[in-house]
Amino acid sequence: MMQTGDTTLPRRAASTTIVLIAVAMLAFAANSLLCRLALQQGRIDPASFGAIRLASGALVLLLVMRVQAARRSSSPKTGGDWTAALMLFLYVAGFSFAYLLLPAGSGALILFGMVQLTMLAAGLWKGERFTAAGWLGLALAIGGLVLLLLPGVAAPSLTGAALMAVAGVAWGIYSLRGRGVPDPLAATAGNFMRATPLGIALLALFWLAWAARSHLDAGGVALALASGAITSGLGYVVWYAALPRLAALQAASVQLSVPLIAALGGVLLLGEAFTARLALASVAILGGIALVLGAKRAAPR
């Protein structure tokens, strides 16, 4: 009986981790699709999209916290910190404005490339190492991402590339800071609350400086609300719950699946063509991530 219990618990923990990762990556990919749809079709300006996204995320997270607190007969208490909130704001702002200047392919490549570099650098700095199979999987996943995004992509705007690079570094730092958070929901709610005034301030500056470019319609507002309340706010709660179960190198690797999922979403939802190149990249990225997650880490130096 003890052997059965000892094997069942690790299997359940592994299954829970896989589910958390899958849900978080789907949420991030859906968020990318919502942002592209809203901004690239001119339904809303980037400052308004970012401010609504942050505010709606904060509101939904606070409501969830109140429901949980009521069930426990306690008062809700938010967590987080200003550094994480600033990283969240920089990611939202950089991402939104960059997609006005960048094609989808080059923008995703820059964003997730910088996320990779940030999280890999942090993991290596702390002494994390992979076995040969882990490094092979990481190389295979990165190669698949490059195959998916690089061919045929025009040279990106330098301003757009810089904004997306800032967003990628900010996302990487934000994700790393969430690894040791004891209460993911409270931390995420607190970070969204702190980031919301920053988003509103940016919106006010944008409307004052570029009033002619400020615009929004009902569709754009709805997409921003969905992005903030569902795919951002609740998506980060799930991601925070998954991060403590992953090493920094593993956390960096699984995020390579987001642009792939977004590309497949474009095929299914936006009518984009499914090519042999996309199929090959899918096998490389998902196979590489499986190797990284299954590989045992070498002992830290």
C-alpha atoms as a PDB file:
ATOM      1  CA  MET A   1       0.000   0.000   0.000  1.00  0.00           C
ATOM      2  CA  MET A   2       2.815   2.407   0.813  1.00  0.00           C
ATOM      3  CA  GLN A   3       4.408   1.808  -2.564  1.00  0.00           C
ATOM      4  CA  THR A   4       1.139   2.535  -4.333  1.00  0.00           C
ATOM      5  CA  GLY A   5       0.684   5.776  -2.419  1.00  0.00           C
ATOM      6  CA  ASP A   6       4.309   6.812  -2.983  1.00  0.00           C
ATOM      7  CA  THR A   7       4.002   6.391  -6.752  1.00  0.00           C
ATOM      8  CA  THR A   8       0.505   7.852  -7.055  1.00  0.00           C
ATOM      9  CA  LEU A   9       1.338  11.162  -5.379  1.00  0.00           C
ATOM     10  CA  PRO A  10       4.274  12.021  -7.682  1.00  0.00           C
ATOM     11  CA  ARG A  11       2.169  11.078 -10.685  1.00  0.00           C
ATOM     12  CA  ARG A  12      -0.637  13.340  -9.548  1.00  0.00           C
ATOM     13  CA  ALA A  13       1.830  16.162  -8.908  1.00  0.00           C
ATOM     14  CA  ALA A  14       3.318  15.713 -12.378  1.00  0.00           C
ATOM     15  CA  SER A  15      -0.135  15.666 -13.961  1.00  0.00           C
ATOM     16  CA  THR A  16      -1.101  18.832 -12.083  1.00  0.00           C
ATOM     17  CA  THR A  17       2.059  20.567 -13.268  1.00  0.00           C
ATOM     18  CA  ILE A  18       1.375  19.622 -16.886  1.00  0.00           C
ATOM     19  CA  VAL A  19      -2.204  20.904 -16.661  1.00  0.00           C
ATOM     20  CA  LEU A  20      -1.096  24.199 -15.083  1.00  0.00           C
ATOM     21  CA  ILE A  21       1.537  24.733 -17.773  1.00  0.00           C
ATOM     22  CA  ALA A  22      -0.898  23.912 -20.586  1.00  0.00           C
ATOM     23  CA  VAL A  23      -3.585  26.277 -19.285  1.00  0.00           C
ATOM     24  CA  ALA A  24      -1.096  29.109 -18.739  1.00  0.00           C
ATOM     25  CA  MET A  25       0.438  28.759 -22.205  1.00  0.00           C
ATOM     26  CA  LEU A  26      -3.009  28.648 -23.836  1.00  0.00           C
ATOM     27  CA  ALA A  27      -3.978  31.805 -21.963  1.00  0.00           C
ATOM     28  CA  PHE A  28      -0.819  33.637 -23.033  1.00  0.00           C
ATOM     29  CA  ALA A  29      -1.296  32.574 -26.645  1.00  0.00           C
ATOM     30  CA  ALA A  30      -4.945  33.641 -26.602  1.00  0.00           C
ATOM     31  CA  ASN A  31      -3.874  36.981 -25.149  1.00  0.00           C
ATOM     32  CA  SER A  32      -1.511  37.461 -28.077  1.00  0.00           C
ATOM     33  CA  LEU A  33      -4.315  36.745 -30.538  1.00  0.00           C
ATOM     34  CA  LEU A  34      -6.657  39.186 -28.791  1.00  0.00           C
ATOM     35  CA  CYS A  35      -4.018  41.902 -28.842  1.00  0.00           C
ATOM     36  CA  ARG A  36      -3.238  41.392 -32.525  1.00  0.00           C
ATOM     37  CA  LEU A  37      -6.911  41.420 -33.427  1.00  0.00           C
ATOM     38  CA  ALA A  38      -7.622  44.625 -31.511  1.00  0.00           C
ATOM     39  CA  LEU A  39      -4.546  46.647 -32.459  1.00  0.00           C
ATOM     40  CA  GLN A  40      -3.840  45.538 -35.998  1.00  0.00           C
ATOM     41  CA  GLN A  41      -7.437  46.128 -37.088  1.00  0.00           C
ATOM     42  CA  GLY A  42      -7.417  49.605 -35.565  1.00  0.00           C
ATOM     43  CA  ARG A  43     -10.227  48.991 -33.081  1.00  0.00           C
ATOM     44  CA  ILE A  44      -8.378  50.658 -30.195  1.00  0.00           C
ATOM     45  CA  ASP A  45      -5.155  52.553 -29.568  1.00  0.00           C
ATOM     46  CA  PRO A  46      -2.365  50.751 -27.661  1.00  0.00           C
ATOM     47  CA  ALA A  47      -2.471  52.976 -24.573  1.00  0.00           C
ATOM     48  CA  SER A  48      -6.205  52.448 -24.123  1.00  0.00           C
ATOM     49  CA  PHE A  49      -5.822  48.705 -24.700  1.00  0.00           C
ATOM     50  CA  GLY A  50      -3.089  48.460 -22.075  1.00  0.00           C
ATOM     51  CA  ALA A  51      -4.925  50.539 -19.467  1.00  0.00           C
ATOM     52  CA  ILE A  52      -8.180  48.590 -19.890  1.00  0.00           C
ATOM     53  CA  ARG A  53      -6.266  45.318 -19.818  1.00  0.00           C
ATOM     54  CA  LEU A  54      -4.588  46.162 -16.503  1.00  0.00           C
ATOM     55  CA  ALA A  55      -7.689  47.629 -14.855  1.00  0.00           C
ATOM     56  CA  SER A  56      -9.970  44.741 -15.835  1.00  0.00           C
ATOM     57  CA  GLY A  57      -7.376  42.214 -14.721  1.00  0.00           C
ATOM     58  CA  ALA A  58      -7.090  43.904 -11.326  1.00  0.00           C
ATOM     59  CA  LEU A  59     -10.876  44.033 -10.914  1.00  0.00           C
ATOM     60  CA  VAL A  60     -11.444  40.360 -11.714  1.00  0.00           C
ATOM     61  CA  LEU A  61      -8.599  39.238  -9.467  1.00  0.00           C
ATOM     62  CA  LEU A  62      -9.952  41.279  -6.559  1.00  0.00           C
ATOM     63  CA  LEU A  63     -13.414  39.764  -7.070  1.00  0.00           C
ATOM     64  CA  VAL A  64     -11.940  36.259  -7.029  1.00  0.00           C
ATOM     65  CA  MET A  65     -10.042  37.088  -3.845  1.00  0.00           C
ATOM     66  CA  ARG A  66     -13.209  38.374  -2.167  1.00  0.00           C
ATOM     67  CA  VAL A  67     -15.072  35.184  -3.046  1.00  0.00           C
ATOM     68  CA  GLN A  68     -12.271  33.053  -1.600  1.00  0.00           C
ATOM     69  CA  ALA A  69     -12.051  35.212   1.516  1.00  0.00           C
ATOM     70  CA  ALA A  70     -15.804  34.951   2.064  1.00  0.00           C
ATOM     71  CA  ARG A  71     -15.608  31.165   1.926  1.00  0.00           C
ATOM     72  CA  ARG A  72     -12.808  31.205   4.504  1.00  0.00           C
ATOM     73  CA  SER A  73     -14.517  33.877   6.648  1.00  0.00           C
ATOM     74  CA  SER A  74     -11.455  36.103   6.396  1.00  0.00           C
ATOM     75  CA  SER A  75     -10.598  39.476   4.870  1.00  0.00           C
ATOM     76  CA  PRO A  76      -8.863  39.585   1.474  1.00  0.00           C
ATOM     77  CA  LYS A  77      -5.232  40.694   1.535  1.00  0.00           C
ATOM     78  CA  THR A  78      -3.293  41.526  -1.634  1.00  0.00           C
ATOM     79  CA  GLY A  79       0.392  40.879  -2.101  1.00  0.00           C
ATOM     80  CA  GLY A  80       2.897  41.632  -4.830  1.00  0.00           C
ATOM     81  CA  ASP A  81       5.426  44.441  -4.910  1.00  0.00           C
ATOM     82  CA  TRP A  82       6.213  47.549  -6.932  1.00  0.00           C
ATOM     83  CA  THR A  83       9.111  45.942  -8.811  1.00  0.00           C
ATOM     84  CA  ALA A  84       6.905  43.151 -10.151  1.00  0.00           C
ATOM     85  CA  ALA A  85       4.148  45.669 -10.919  1.00  0.00           C
ATOM     86  CA  LEU A  86       6.578  47.805 -12.889  1.00  0.00           C
ATOM     87  CA  MET A  87       7.686  44.747 -14.883  1.00  0.00           C
ATOM     88  CA  LEU A  88       4.043  43.919 -15.594  1.00  0.00           C
ATOM     89  CA  PHE A  89       3.377  47.469 -16.776  1.00  0.00           C
ATOM     90  CA  LEU A  90       6.489  47.526 -18.988  1.00  0.00           C
ATOM     91  CA  TYR A  91       5.474  44.247 -20.577  1.00  0.00           C
ATOM     92  CA  VAL A  92       1.911  45.404 -21.312  1.00  0.00           C
ATOM     93  CA  ALA A  93       2.982  48.819 -22.613  1.00  0.00           C
ATOM     94  CA  GLY A  94       5.940  47.579 -24.653  1.00  0.00           C
ATOM     95  CA  PHE A  95       3.954  44.731 -26.183  1.00  0.00           C
ATOM     96  CA  SER A  96       1.014  46.944 -27.157  1.00  0.00           C
ATOM     97  CA  PHE A  97       3.024  49.750 -28.743  1.00  0.00           C
ATOM     98  CA  ALA A  98       5.520  47.447 -30.459  1.00  0.00           C
ATOM     99  CA  TYR A  99       2.795  45.705 -32.443  1.00  0.00           C
ATOM    100  CA  LEU A 100       1.966  48.980 -34.133  1.00  0.00           C
ATOM    101  CA  LEU A 101       5.415  48.893 -35.737  1.00  0.00           C
ATOM    102  CA  LEU A 102       6.303  45.202 -36.070  1.00  0.00           C
ATOM    103  CA  PRO A 103       4.969  42.318 -38.151  1.00  0.00           C
ATOM    104  CA  ALA A 104       3.572  39.507 -36.038  1.00  0.00           C
ATOM    105  CA  GLY A 105       6.408  37.099 -36.824  1.00  0.00           C
ATOM    106  CA  SER A 106       9.352  39.325 -36.015  1.00  0.00           C
ATOM    107  CA  GLY A 107       7.554  40.755 -32.968  1.00  0.00           C
ATOM    108  CA  ALA A 108       6.973  37.298 -31.471  1.00  0.00           C
ATOM    109  CA  LEU A 109      10.552  36.283 -32.221  1.00  0.00           C
ATOM    110  CA  ILE A 110      11.995  39.326 -30.432  1.00  0.00           C
ATOM    111  CA  LEU A 111       9.615  39.001 -27.473  1.00  0.00           C
ATOM    112  CA  PHE A 112      10.222  35.335 -26.739  1.00  0.00           C
ATOM    113  CA  GLY A 113      13.893  35.578 -27.612  1.00  0.00           C
ATOM    114  CA  MET A 114      14.341  38.190 -24.884  1.00  0.00           C
ATOM    115  CA  VAL A 115      12.229  36.156 -22.449  1.00  0.00           C
ATOM    116  CA  GLN A 116      14.547  33.218 -23.154  1.00  0.00           C
ATOM    117  CA  LEU A 117      17.721  35.220 -22.649  1.00  0.00           C
ATOM    118  CA  THR A 118      16.447  36.759 -19.404  1.00  0.00           C
ATOM    119  CA  MET A 119      15.316  33.511 -17.789  1.00  0.00           C
ATOM    120  CA  LEU A 120      18.244  31.469 -19.053  1.00  0.00           C
ATOM    121  CA  ALA A 121      20.693  34.057 -17.724  1.00  0.00           C
ATOM    122  CA  ALA A 122      18.974  33.960 -14.324  1.00  0.00           C
ATOM    123  CA  GLY A 123      19.047  30.176 -14.194  1.00  0.00           C
ATOM    124  CA  LEU A 124      22.678  29.920 -15.210  1.00  0.00           C
ATOM    125  CA  TRP A 125      23.626  32.671 -12.739  1.00  0.00           C
ATOM    126  CA  LYS A 126      22.063  30.593  -9.924  1.00  0.00           C
ATOM    127  CA  GLY A 127      23.980  27.503 -10.975  1.00  0.00           C
ATOM    128  CA  GLU A 128      21.264  25.511 -12.762  1.00  0.00           C
ATOM    129  CA  ARG A 129      22.542  23.038 -15.337  1.00  0.00           C
ATOM    130  CA  PHE A 130      20.953  20.604 -17.768  1.00  0.00           C
ATOM    131  CA  THR A 131      22.014  17.136 -18.741  1.00  0.00           C
ATOM    132  CA  ALA A 132      22.842  16.575 -22.409  1.00  0.00           C
ATOM    133  CA  ALA A 133      19.231  15.594 -23.166  1.00  0.00           C
ATOM    134  CA  GLY A 134      17.946  18.822 -21.614  1.00  0.00           C
ATOM    135  CA  TRP A 135      20.320  21.005 -23.631  1.00  0.00           C
ATOM    136  CA  LEU A 136      19.424  19.055 -26.777  1.00  0.00           C
ATOM    137  CA  GLY A 137      15.740  19.676 -26.127  1.00  0.00           C
ATOM    138  CA  LEU A 138      16.304  23.379 -25.545  1.00  0.00           C
ATOM    139  CA  ALA A 139      18.331  23.675 -28.763  1.00  0.00           C
ATOM    140  CA  LEU A 140      15.648  21.767 -30.678  1.00  0.00           C
ATOM    141  CA  ALA A 141      12.873  24.012 -29.327  1.00  0.00           C
ATOM    142  CA  ILE A 142      14.769  27.211 -30.123  1.00  0.00           C
ATOM    143  CA  GLY A 143      15.579  25.895 -33.580  1.00  0.00           C
ATOM    144  CA  GLY A 144      11.907  25.178 -34.176  1.00  0.00           C
ATOM    145  CA  LEU A 145      10.959  28.687 -33.100  1.00  0.00           C
ATOM    146  CA  VAL A 146      13.530  30.212 -35.434  1.00  0.00           C
ATOM    147  CA  LEU A 147      12.265  28.004 -38.259  1.00  0.00           C
ATOM    148  CA  LEU A 148       8.720  29.148 -37.575  1.00  0.00           C
ATOM    149  CA  LEU A 149       9.382  32.877 -37.405  1.00  0.00           C
ATOM    150  CA  LEU A 150      12.535  33.864 -39.282  1.00  0.00           C
ATOM    151  CA  PRO A 151      12.081  32.835 -42.932  1.00  0.00           C
ATOM    152  CA  GLY A 152      10.471  35.593 -44.970  1.00  0.00           C
ATOM    153  CA  VAL A 153      10.249  38.052 -42.084  1.00  0.00           C
ATOM    154  CA  ALA A 154      11.181  41.589 -43.127  1.00  0.00           C
ATOM    155  CA  ALA A 155      13.724  43.616 -41.178  1.00  0.00           C
ATOM    156  CA  PRO A 156      11.893  44.994 -38.123  1.00  0.00           C
ATOM    157  CA  SER A 157      11.593  48.607 -37.111  1.00  0.00           C
ATOM    158  CA  LEU A 158      14.354  49.541 -34.672  1.00  0.00           C
ATOM    159  CA  THR A 159      11.892  51.382 -32.435  1.00  0.00           C
ATOM    160  CA  GLY A 160       9.439  48.487 -32.496  1.00  0.00           C
ATOM    161  CA  ALA A 161      12.212  45.980 -31.830  1.00  0.00           C
ATOM    162  CA  ALA A 162      13.420  47.986 -28.842  1.00  0.00           C
ATOM    163  CA  LEU A 163       9.902  48.185 -27.384  1.00  0.00           C
ATOM    164  CA  MET A 164       9.343  44.453 -27.824  1.00  0.00           C
ATOM    165  CA  ALA A 165      12.750  43.705 -26.296  1.00  0.00           C
ATOM    166  CA  VAL A 166      11.777  45.709 -23.208  1.00  0.00           C
ATOM    167  CA  ALA A 167       8.513  43.754 -23.035  1.00  0.00           C
ATOM    168  CA  GLY A 168      10.379  40.442 -23.255  1.00  0.00           C
ATOM    169  CA  VAL A 169      12.882  41.302 -20.522  1.00  0.00           C
ATOM    170  CA  ALA A 170      10.056  42.566 -18.299  1.00  0.00           C
ATOM    171  CA  TRP A 171       8.027  39.374 -18.810  1.00  0.00           C
ATOM    172  CA  GLY A 172      11.048  37.246 -17.985  1.00  0.00           C
ATOM    173  CA  ILE A 173      11.777  39.143 -14.756  1.00  0.00           C
ATOM    174  CA  TYR A 174       8.113  39.136 -13.763  1.00  0.00           C
ATOM    175  CA  SER A 175       7.902  35.364 -14.259  1.00  0.00           C
ATOM    176  CA  LEU A 176      11.056  34.736 -12.241  1.00  0.00           C
ATOM    177  CA  ARG A 177       9.853  36.895  -9.364  1.00  0.00           C
ATOM    178  CA  GLY A 178       6.690  34.814  -9.196  1.00  0.00           C
ATOM    179  CA  ARG A 179       8.502  31.530  -8.539  1.00  0.00           C
ATOM    180  CA  GLY A 180       8.709  31.969  -4.767  1.00  0.00           C
ATOM    181  CA  VAL A 181       5.342  33.627  -4.162  1.00  0.00           C
ATOM    182  CA  PRO A 182       3.359  31.768  -1.445  1.00  0.00           C
ATOM    183  CA  ASP A 183      -0.036  33.161  -2.560  1.00  0.00           C
ATOM    184  CA  PRO A 184      -0.134  33.533  -6.365  1.00  0.00           C
ATOM    185  CA  LEU A 185      -3.611  35.054  -6.458  1.00  0.00           C
ATOM    186  CA  ALA A 186      -2.837  37.741  -3.862  1.00  0.00           C
ATOM    187  CA  ALA A 187       0.479  38.576  -5.525  1.00  0.00           C
ATOM    188  CA  THR A 188      -1.013  38.822  -9.008  1.00  0.00           C
ATOM    189  CA  ALA A 189      -3.927  40.950  -7.786  1.00  0.00           C
ATOM    190  CA  GLY A 190      -1.563  43.295  -5.967  1.00  0.00           C
ATOM    191  CA  ASN A 191       0.685  43.631  -8.984  1.00  0.00           C
ATOM    192  CA  PHE A 192      -2.239  44.405 -11.290  1.00  0.00           C
ATOM    193  CA  MET A 193      -3.547  46.981  -8.808  1.00  0.00           C
ATOM    194  CA  ARG A 194      -0.162  48.711  -8.648  1.00  0.00           C
ATOM    195  CA  ALA A 195       0.322  48.575 -12.416  1.00  0.00           C
ATOM    196  CA  THR A 196      -3.129  50.002 -13.224  1.00  0.00           C
ATOM    197  CA  PRO A 197      -2.308  53.630 -12.206  1.00  0.00           C
ATOM    198  CA  LEU A 198       0.825  53.393 -14.353  1.00  0.00           C
ATOM    199  CA  GLY A 199      -1.313  52.295 -17.294  1.00  0.00           C
ATOM    200  CA  ILE A 200      -3.806  55.105 -16.705  1.00  0.00           C
ATOM    201  CA  ALA A 201      -0.966  57.644 -16.496  1.00  0.00           C
ATOM    202  CA  LEU A 202       0.427  56.392 -19.801  1.00  0.00           C
ATOM    203  CA  LEU A 203      -3.062  56.618 -21.314  1.00  0.00           C
ATOM    204  CA  ALA A 204      -3.437  60.233 -20.158  1.00  0.00           C
ATOM    205  CA  LEU A 205      -0.035  61.161 -21.619  1.00  0.00           C
ATOM    206  CA  PHE A 206      -0.866  59.417 -24.887  1.00  0.00           C
ATOM    207  CA  TRP A 207      -4.223  61.184 -25.230  1.00  0.00           C
ATOM    208  CA  LEU A 208      -2.623  64.543 -24.458  1.00  0.00           C
ATOM    209  CA  ALA A 209       0.339  64.103 -26.795  1.00  0.00           C
ATOM    210  CA  TRP A 210      -1.339  62.190 -29.657  1.00  0.00           C
ATOM    211  CA  ALA A 211      -5.034  63.021 -29.412  1.00  0.00           C
ATOM    212  CA  ALA A 212      -5.451  62.441 -33.133  1.00  0.00           C
ATOM    213  CA  ARG A 213      -4.277  58.833 -32.766  1.00  0.00           C
ATOM    214  CA  SER A 214      -6.476  58.088 -29.739  1.00  0.00           C
ATOM    215  CA  HIS A 215      -9.457  55.954 -30.605  1.00  0.00           C
ATOM    216  CA  LEU A 216     -11.514  53.005 -29.392  1.00  0.00           C
ATOM    217  CA  ASP A 217     -14.765  51.295 -30.265  1.00  0.00           C
ATOM    218  CA  ALA A 218     -16.956  48.741 -28.523  1.00  0.00           C
ATOM    219  CA  GLY A 219     -15.152  45.827 -30.156  1.00  0.00           C
ATOM    220  CA  GLY A 220     -11.746  47.089 -29.107  1.00  0.00           C
ATOM    221  CA  VAL A 221     -12.904  47.624 -25.525  1.00  0.00           C
ATOM    222  CA  ALA A 222     -14.392  44.112 -25.424  1.00  0.00           C
ATOM    223  CA  LEU A 223     -11.134  42.576 -26.658  1.00  0.00           C
ATOM    224  CA  ALA A 224      -9.125  44.551 -24.104  1.00  0.00           C
ATOM    225  CA  LEU A 225     -11.487  43.455 -21.318  1.00  0.00           C
ATOM    226  CA  ALA A 226     -11.145  39.807 -22.342  1.00  0.00           C
ATOM    227  CA  SER A 227      -7.384  40.183 -22.497  1.00  0.00           C
ATOM    228  CA  GLY A 228      -7.187  41.703 -19.034  1.00  0.00           C
ATOM    229  CA  ALA A 229      -9.809  39.722 -17.145  1.00  0.00           C
ATOM    230  CA  ILE A 230      -9.278  36.240 -18.589  1.00  0.00           C
ATOM    231  CA  THR A 231      -6.082  35.682 -20.529  1.00  0.00           C
ATOM    232  CA  SER A 232      -3.906  38.059 -18.496  1.00  0.00           C
ATOM    233  CA  GLY A 233      -5.204  38.171 -14.922  1.00  0.00           C
ATOM    234  CA  LEU A 234      -6.324  34.578 -14.493  1.00  0.00           C
ATOM    235  CA  GLY A 235      -3.583  33.367 -16.820  1.00  0.00           C
ATOM    236  CA  TYR A 236      -0.900  34.815 -14.549  1.00  0.00           C
ATOM    237  CA  VAL A 237      -2.510  33.160 -11.503  1.00  0.00           C
ATOM    238  CA  VAL A 238      -2.103  29.782 -13.169  1.00  0.00           C
ATOM    239  CA  TRP A 239       1.443  30.624 -14.283  1.00  0.00           C
ATOM    240  CA  TYR A 240       2.398  31.672 -10.759  1.00  0.00           C
ATOM    241  CA  ALA A 241       1.051  28.338  -9.495  1.00  0.00           C
ATOM    242  CA  ALA A 242       3.149  26.423 -12.026  1.00  0.00           C
ATOM    243  CA  LEU A 243       6.423  28.323 -11.610  1.00  0.00           C
ATOM    244  CA  PRO A 244       7.479  26.909  -8.204  1.00  0.00           C
ATOM    245  CA  ARG A 245       7.385  23.435  -9.769  1.00  0.00           C
ATOM    246  CA  LEU A 246       9.856  24.395 -12.524  1.00  0.00           C
ATOM    247  CA  ALA A 247      13.497  25.326 -12.711  1.00  0.00           C
ATOM    248  CA  ALA A 248      14.227  28.644 -14.393  1.00  0.00           C
ATOM    249  CA  LEU A 249      15.569  26.892 -17.490  1.00  0.00           C
ATOM    250  CA  GLN A 250      12.428  24.763 -17.739  1.00  0.00           C
ATOM    251  CA  ALA A 251      10.178  27.790 -17.249  1.00  0.00           C
ATOM    252  CA  ALA A 252      12.036  29.554 -20.048  1.00  0.00           C
ATOM    253  CA  SER A 253      11.693  26.576 -22.366  1.00  0.00           C
ATOM    254  CA  VAL A 254       7.969  25.935 -22.013  1.00  0.00           C
ATOM    255  CA  GLN A 255       7.224  29.532 -22.998  1.00  0.00           C
ATOM    256  CA  LEU A 256       8.592  28.704 -26.449  1.00  0.00           C
ATOM    257  CA  SER A 257       5.251  27.012 -27.060  1.00  0.00           C
ATOM    258  CA  VAL A 258       3.308  30.305 -26.876  1.00  0.00           C
ATOM    259  CA  PRO A 259       4.144  31.652 -30.355  1.00  0.00           C
ATOM    260  CA  LEU A 260       3.508  28.193 -31.770  1.00  0.00           C
ATOM    261  CA  ILE A 261       0.075  27.988 -30.129  1.00  0.00           C
ATOM    262  CA  ALA A 262      -0.680  31.519 -31.312  1.00  0.00           C
ATOM    263  CA  ALA A 263       0.301  30.567 -34.862  1.00  0.00           C
ATOM    264  CA  LEU A 264      -1.946  27.502 -34.751  1.00  0.00           C
ATOM    265  CA  GLY A 265      -4.718  29.682 -33.343  1.00  0.00           C
ATOM    266  CA  GLY A 266      -4.283  31.965 -36.320  1.00  0.00           C
ATOM    267  CA  VAL A 267      -4.736  28.974 -38.613  1.00  0.00           C
ATOM    268  CA  LEU A 268      -7.874  27.756 -36.864  1.00  0.00           C
ATOM    269  CA  LEU A 269      -9.499  31.080 -35.987  1.00  0.00           C
ATOM    270  CA  LEU A 270      -8.180  33.586 -38.525  1.00  0.00           C
ATOM    271  CA  GLY A 271      -7.991  31.382 -41.619  1.00  0.00           C
ATOM    272  CA  GLU A 272      -4.214  31.510 -42.013  1.00  0.00           C
ATOM    273  CA  ALA A 273      -2.543  28.810 -44.116  1.00  0.00           C
ATOM    274  CA  PHE A 274      -1.096  25.704 -42.433  1.00  0.00           C
ATOM    275  CA  THR A 275       2.225  25.035 -44.146  1.00  0.00           C
ATOM    276  CA  ALA A 276       4.745  22.217 -44.010  1.00  0.00           C
ATOM    277  CA  ARG A 277       7.140  24.668 -42.352  1.00  0.00           C
ATOM    278  CA  LEU A 278       4.630  25.271 -39.564  1.00  0.00           C
ATOM    279  CA  ALA A 279       4.093  21.522 -39.103  1.00  0.00           C
ATOM    280  CA  LEU A 280       7.854  20.878 -38.867  1.00  0.00           C
ATOM    281  CA  ALA A 281       8.318  23.726 -36.407  1.00  0.00           C
ATOM    282  CA  SER A 282       5.478  22.342 -34.295  1.00  0.00           C
ATOM    283  CA  VAL A 283       7.190  18.960 -33.991  1.00  0.00           C
ATOM    284  CA  ALA A 284      10.530  20.579 -33.156  1.00  0.00           C
ATOM    285  CA  ILE A 285       9.199  22.963 -30.507  1.00  0.00           C
ATOM    286  CA  LEU A 286       6.866  20.547 -28.746  1.00  0.00           C
ATOM    287  CA  GLY A 287       9.394  17.700 -28.940  1.00  0.00           C
ATOM    288  CA  GLY A 288      12.128  19.944 -27.583  1.00  0.00           C
ATOM    289  CA  ILE A 289       9.961  21.104 -24.689  1.00  0.00           C
ATOM    290  CA  ALA A 290       9.137  17.487 -23.844  1.00  0.00           C
ATOM    291  CA  LEU A 291      12.871  16.709 -23.659  1.00  0.00           C
ATOM    292  CA  VAL A 292      13.536  19.714 -21.419  1.00  0.00           C
ATOM    293  CA  LEU A 293      10.733  18.872 -19.014  1.00  0.00           C
ATOM    294  CA  GLY A 294      11.664  15.205 -18.904  1.00  0.00           C
ATOM    295  CA  ALA A 295      15.413  15.719 -18.492  1.00  0.00           C
ATOM    296  CA  LYS A 296      16.971  15.660 -15.036  1.00  0.00           C
ATOM    297  CA  ARG A 297      18.991  18.688 -14.101  1.00  0.00           C
ATOM    298  CA  ALA A 298      22.678  18.317 -13.476  1.00  0.00           C
ATOM    299  CA  ALA A 299      23.885  19.280 -10.013  1.00  0.00           C
ATOM    300  CA  PRO A 300      24.382  23.053  -9.502  1.00  0.00           C
ATOM    301  CA  ARG A 301      27.931  24.285  -9.438  1.00  0.00           C
END
